[in-house]
Amino acid sequence: ESALQAGYLGIEPSLPSDRIQSSSIHLSVGMKACRYDLNGQPALVGTKPGIVLKRGECVTLTTLEKLTLPSRLRAHVLGLSDLLAGKFLSYSGQNVYQFPLSNHLSVGLINQGPFEVKIAHGDPLLIIGFEFLNQEPSSAAL
């Protein structure tokens, strides 16, 4: 929260206050997704008014928000938002992000549960936590 207030961390568009916690933020579902049917065939779909993910289907989403990290801040995906956490969704994607980053995050979800899951533009998607680094990362780490 203090990194956001100080302008050290960039998030566009800005998050509503209920999506900012003291040590984490909740990023939202973006406008488009790539949905894969049970045969693995991809289709680009909009997330407004929402998409329904049937059992066994998977989707690749991007976050609505663009995240910009400075060199001494590392982002960790802590998990799916509370809205999605209990729905038997399997997450795939990068777990740690670091400088240089100024982009939307990509997330893969697979519905492994017995019920259909609706996902819509603007829904909370990922919980992201942050780690301050004591020193600049070495160029080999970048």
C-alpha atoms as a PDB file:
ATOM      1  CA  GLU A   1       0.000   0.000   0.000  1.00  0.00           C
ATOM      2  CA  SER A   2       2.807   2.422   0.853  1.00  0.00           C
ATOM      3  CA  ALA A   3       4.595   1.631  -2.437  1.00  0.00           C
ATOM      4  CA  LEU A   4       1.439   2.630  -4.319  1.00  0.00           C
ATOM      5  CA  GLN A   5       0.948   5.823  -2.331  1.00  0.00           C
ATOM      6  CA  ALA A   6       4.575   6.809  -2.865  1.00  0.00           C
ATOM      7  CA  GLY A   7       4.279   6.237  -6.615  1.00  0.00           C
ATOM      8  CA  TYR A   8       6.957   3.541  -6.430  1.00  0.00           C
ATOM      9  CA  LEU A   9       4.652   0.888  -7.905  1.00  0.00           C
ATOM     10  CA  GLY A  10       2.588   1.595 -11.014  1.00  0.00           C
ATOM     11  CA  ILE A  11      -0.903   0.173 -11.593  1.00  0.00           C
ATOM     12  CA  GLU A  12      -3.087   1.405 -14.475  1.00  0.00           C
ATOM     13  CA  PRO A  13      -6.000   1.863 -14.223  1.00  0.00           C
ATOM     14  CA  SER A  14      -5.833   2.515 -10.498  1.00  0.00           C
ATOM     15  CA  LEU A  15      -7.425  -0.013  -8.167  1.00  0.00           C
ATOM     16  CA  PRO A  16     -10.466   0.670  -5.990  1.00  0.00           C
ATOM     17  CA  SER A  17      -9.551   0.875  -2.301  1.00  0.00           C
ATOM     18  CA  ASP A  18     -11.220  -2.463  -1.468  1.00  0.00           C
ATOM     19  CA  ARG A  19      -8.699  -4.236  -3.752  1.00  0.00           C
ATOM     20  CA  ILE A  20      -5.673  -2.805  -1.917  1.00  0.00           C
ATOM     21  CA  GLN A  21      -4.572  -4.535   1.294  1.00  0.00           C
ATOM     22  CA  SER A  22      -1.605  -3.657   3.501  1.00  0.00           C
ATOM     23  CA  SER A  23       0.645  -6.276   1.868  1.00  0.00           C
ATOM     24  CA  SER A  24      -1.172  -7.320  -1.300  1.00  0.00           C
ATOM     25  CA  ILE A  25      -3.422  -6.191  -4.140  1.00  0.00           C
ATOM     26  CA  HIS A  26      -6.196  -7.891  -6.078  1.00  0.00           C
ATOM     27  CA  LEU A  27      -5.956  -7.581  -9.873  1.00  0.00           C
ATOM     28  CA  SER A  28      -9.027  -7.968 -12.103  1.00  0.00           C
ATOM     29  CA  VAL A  29     -10.090  -9.918 -15.194  1.00  0.00           C
ATOM     30  CA  GLY A  30      -9.297  -8.001 -18.396  1.00  0.00           C
ATOM     31  CA  MET A  31     -11.446  -7.483 -21.517  1.00  0.00           C
ATOM     32  CA  LYS A  32     -10.451 -10.513 -23.619  1.00  0.00           C
ATOM     33  CA  ALA A  33      -9.538 -14.129 -23.134  1.00  0.00           C
ATOM     34  CA  CYS A  34      -8.395 -17.063 -25.193  1.00  0.00           C
ATOM     35  CA  ARG A  35     -10.731 -19.955 -24.478  1.00  0.00           C
ATOM     36  CA  TYR A  36      -9.918 -23.566 -25.314  1.00  0.00           C
ATOM     37  CA  ASP A  37     -12.666 -26.115 -25.841  1.00  0.00           C
ATOM     38  CA  LEU A  38     -12.455 -29.767 -24.797  1.00  0.00           C
ATOM     39  CA  ASN A  39     -10.631 -30.565 -28.059  1.00  0.00           C
ATOM     40  CA  GLY A  40      -7.991 -27.886 -27.416  1.00  0.00           C
ATOM     41  CA  GLN A  41      -9.273 -25.511 -30.094  1.00  0.00           C
ATOM     42  CA  PRO A  42      -8.637 -21.845 -29.164  1.00  0.00           C
ATOM     43  CA  ALA A  43     -11.121 -19.006 -29.635  1.00  0.00           C
ATOM     44  CA  LEU A  44     -10.705 -15.346 -28.698  1.00  0.00           C
ATOM     45  CA  VAL A  45     -13.657 -14.257 -26.551  1.00  0.00           C
ATOM     46  CA  GLY A  46     -14.740 -11.135 -24.718  1.00  0.00           C
ATOM     47  CA  THR A  47     -15.216 -11.240 -20.959  1.00  0.00           C
ATOM     48  CA  LYS A  48     -18.174  -8.831 -21.014  1.00  0.00           C
ATOM     49  CA  PRO A  49     -20.837  -9.755 -19.891  1.00  0.00           C
ATOM     50  CA  GLY A  50     -18.909 -12.906 -18.908  1.00  0.00           C
ATOM     51  CA  ILE A  51     -17.778 -16.318 -20.053  1.00  0.00           C
ATOM     52  CA  VAL A  52     -18.815 -19.649 -18.607  1.00  0.00           C
ATOM     53  CA  LEU A  53     -16.043 -22.162 -18.134  1.00  0.00           C
ATOM     54  CA  LYS A  54     -17.394 -25.714 -18.284  1.00  0.00           C
ATOM     55  CA  ARG A  55     -15.762 -28.697 -16.623  1.00  0.00           C
ATOM     56  CA  GLY A  56     -12.450 -29.482 -18.324  1.00  0.00           C
ATOM     57  CA  GLU A  57     -12.302 -26.215 -20.272  1.00  0.00           C
ATOM     58  CA  CYS A  58      -9.412 -23.828 -19.942  1.00  0.00           C
ATOM     59  CA  VAL A  59      -8.928 -20.154 -20.601  1.00  0.00           C
ATOM     60  CA  THR A  60      -5.998 -17.758 -20.743  1.00  0.00           C
ATOM     61  CA  LEU A  61      -6.820 -14.338 -19.308  1.00  0.00           C
ATOM     62  CA  THR A  62      -4.923 -11.126 -18.913  1.00  0.00           C
ATOM     63  CA  THR A  63      -5.404  -8.733 -16.061  1.00  0.00           C
ATOM     64  CA  LEU A  64      -7.307  -5.499 -16.581  1.00  0.00           C
ATOM     65  CA  GLU A  65      -4.550  -3.639 -14.779  1.00  0.00           C
ATOM     66  CA  LYS A  66      -1.092  -3.017 -16.163  1.00  0.00           C
ATOM     67  CA  LEU A  67       1.575  -3.516 -13.508  1.00  0.00           C
ATOM     68  CA  THR A  68       4.848  -1.534 -13.588  1.00  0.00           C
ATOM     69  CA  LEU A  69       7.569  -2.705 -11.218  1.00  0.00           C
ATOM     70  CA  PRO A  70      10.673  -0.742 -10.256  1.00  0.00           C
ATOM     71  CA  SER A  71      13.990  -2.583 -10.041  1.00  0.00           C
ATOM     72  CA  ARG A  72      13.892  -3.145  -6.271  1.00  0.00           C
ATOM     73  CA  LEU A  73      10.392  -4.570  -6.033  1.00  0.00           C
ATOM     74  CA  ARG A  74       9.417  -8.161  -6.847  1.00  0.00           C
ATOM     75  CA  ALA A  75       5.793  -9.324  -7.250  1.00  0.00           C
ATOM     76  CA  HIS A  76       4.584 -12.770  -6.151  1.00  0.00           C
ATOM     77  CA  VAL A  77       1.304 -14.385  -7.194  1.00  0.00           C
ATOM     78  CA  LEU A  78      -0.213 -15.442  -3.869  1.00  0.00           C
ATOM     79  CA  GLY A  79      -3.217 -17.172  -5.419  1.00  0.00           C
ATOM     80  CA  LEU A  80      -6.603 -16.700  -6.979  1.00  0.00           C
ATOM     81  CA  SER A  81      -9.010 -14.149  -5.547  1.00  0.00           C
ATOM     82  CA  ASP A  82     -11.522 -15.266  -2.945  1.00  0.00           C
ATOM     83  CA  LEU A  83     -14.228 -15.161  -5.630  1.00  0.00           C
ATOM     84  CA  LEU A  84     -12.466 -17.932  -7.605  1.00  0.00           C
ATOM     85  CA  ALA A  85     -10.527 -19.783  -4.896  1.00  0.00           C
ATOM     86  CA  GLY A  86     -13.225 -22.304  -3.933  1.00  0.00           C
ATOM     87  CA  LYS A  87     -14.308 -23.178  -7.463  1.00  0.00           C
ATOM     88  CA  PHE A  88     -11.898 -26.036  -8.290  1.00  0.00           C
ATOM     89  CA  LEU A  89      -9.918 -23.895 -10.710  1.00  0.00           C
ATOM     90  CA  SER A  90      -6.348 -24.796 -11.459  1.00  0.00           C
ATOM     91  CA  TYR A  91      -3.976 -21.845 -11.986  1.00  0.00           C
ATOM     92  CA  SER A  92      -1.049 -21.848 -14.366  1.00  0.00           C
ATOM     93  CA  GLY A  93       1.227 -18.943 -15.021  1.00  0.00           C
ATOM     94  CA  GLN A  94       4.277 -17.165 -13.790  1.00  0.00           C
ATOM     95  CA  ASN A  95       4.504 -16.999  -9.997  1.00  0.00           C
ATOM     96  CA  VAL A  96       7.178 -14.310  -9.638  1.00  0.00           C
ATOM     97  CA  TYR A  97       7.506 -11.090 -11.620  1.00  0.00           C
ATOM     98  CA  GLN A  98      10.400  -8.665 -11.435  1.00  0.00           C
ATOM     99  CA  PHE A  99      11.946  -5.674 -13.174  1.00  0.00           C
ATOM    100  CA  PRO A 100      11.787  -4.906 -16.042  1.00  0.00           C
ATOM    101  CA  LEU A 101       8.009  -5.309 -16.090  1.00  0.00           C
ATOM    102  CA  SER A 102       5.393  -2.931 -17.398  1.00  0.00           C
ATOM    103  CA  ASN A 103       2.562  -5.067 -18.700  1.00  0.00           C
ATOM    104  CA  HIS A 104      -0.665  -6.925 -18.008  1.00  0.00           C
ATOM    105  CA  LEU A 105      -0.212 -10.311 -16.299  1.00  0.00           C
ATOM    106  CA  SER A 106      -1.330 -13.509 -18.056  1.00  0.00           C
ATOM    107  CA  VAL A 107      -3.120 -16.309 -16.239  1.00  0.00           C
ATOM    108  CA  GLY A 108      -4.244 -19.759 -17.330  1.00  0.00           C
ATOM    109  CA  LEU A 109      -7.235 -21.337 -15.591  1.00  0.00           C
ATOM    110  CA  ILE A 110      -8.627 -24.861 -15.937  1.00  0.00           C
ATOM    111  CA  ASN A 111     -12.026 -25.790 -14.510  1.00  0.00           C
ATOM    112  CA  GLN A 112     -11.423 -29.075 -12.698  1.00  0.00           C
ATOM    113  CA  GLY A 113     -14.638 -28.984 -10.697  1.00  0.00           C
ATOM    114  CA  PRO A 114     -18.073 -30.431 -11.262  1.00  0.00           C
ATOM    115  CA  PHE A 115     -19.755 -27.042 -11.797  1.00  0.00           C
ATOM    116  CA  GLU A 116     -19.603 -24.328 -14.446  1.00  0.00           C
ATOM    117  CA  VAL A 117     -17.724 -21.176 -13.428  1.00  0.00           C
ATOM    118  CA  LYS A 118     -18.625 -17.701 -14.695  1.00  0.00           C
ATOM    119  CA  ILE A 119     -15.765 -15.244 -15.132  1.00  0.00           C
ATOM    120  CA  ALA A 120     -16.450 -11.652 -16.133  1.00  0.00           C
ATOM    121  CA  HIS A 121     -14.549  -8.481 -16.958  1.00  0.00           C
ATOM    122  CA  GLY A 122     -13.613  -6.631 -13.771  1.00  0.00           C
ATOM    123  CA  ASP A 123     -14.015  -9.631 -11.433  1.00  0.00           C
ATOM    124  CA  PRO A 124     -11.202 -10.035  -8.896  1.00  0.00           C
ATOM    125  CA  LEU A 125      -8.702 -12.521 -10.353  1.00  0.00           C
ATOM    126  CA  LEU A 126      -5.267 -12.650  -8.702  1.00  0.00           C
ATOM    127  CA  ILE A 127      -3.839 -11.744  -5.321  1.00  0.00           C
ATOM    128  CA  ILE A 128      -0.382 -10.230  -5.708  1.00  0.00           C
ATOM    129  CA  GLY A 129       2.082  -9.670  -2.866  1.00  0.00           C
ATOM    130  CA  PHE A 130       5.314  -7.699  -3.011  1.00  0.00           C
ATOM    131  CA  GLU A 131       8.868  -8.095  -1.794  1.00  0.00           C
ATOM    132  CA  PHE A 132      11.263  -5.175  -1.409  1.00  0.00           C
ATOM    133  CA  LEU A 133      14.815  -6.081  -2.397  1.00  0.00           C
ATOM    134  CA  ASN A 134      17.718  -4.828  -0.248  1.00  0.00           C
ATOM    135  CA  GLN A 135      19.792  -4.017  -3.305  1.00  0.00           C
ATOM    136  CA  GLU A 136      19.491  -3.642  -7.037  1.00  0.00           C
ATOM    137  CA  PRO A 137      19.314  -7.051  -8.748  1.00  0.00           C
ATOM    138  CA  SER A 138      22.462  -8.014 -10.641  1.00  0.00           C
ATOM    139  CA  SER A 139      22.306  -7.762 -14.415  1.00  0.00           C
ATOM    140  CA  ALA A 140      22.653 -11.574 -14.581  1.00  0.00           C
ATOM    141  CA  ALA A 141      19.360 -11.928 -12.640  1.00  0.00           C
ATOM    142  CA  LEU A 142      17.542  -9.704 -15.130  1.00  0.00           C
END
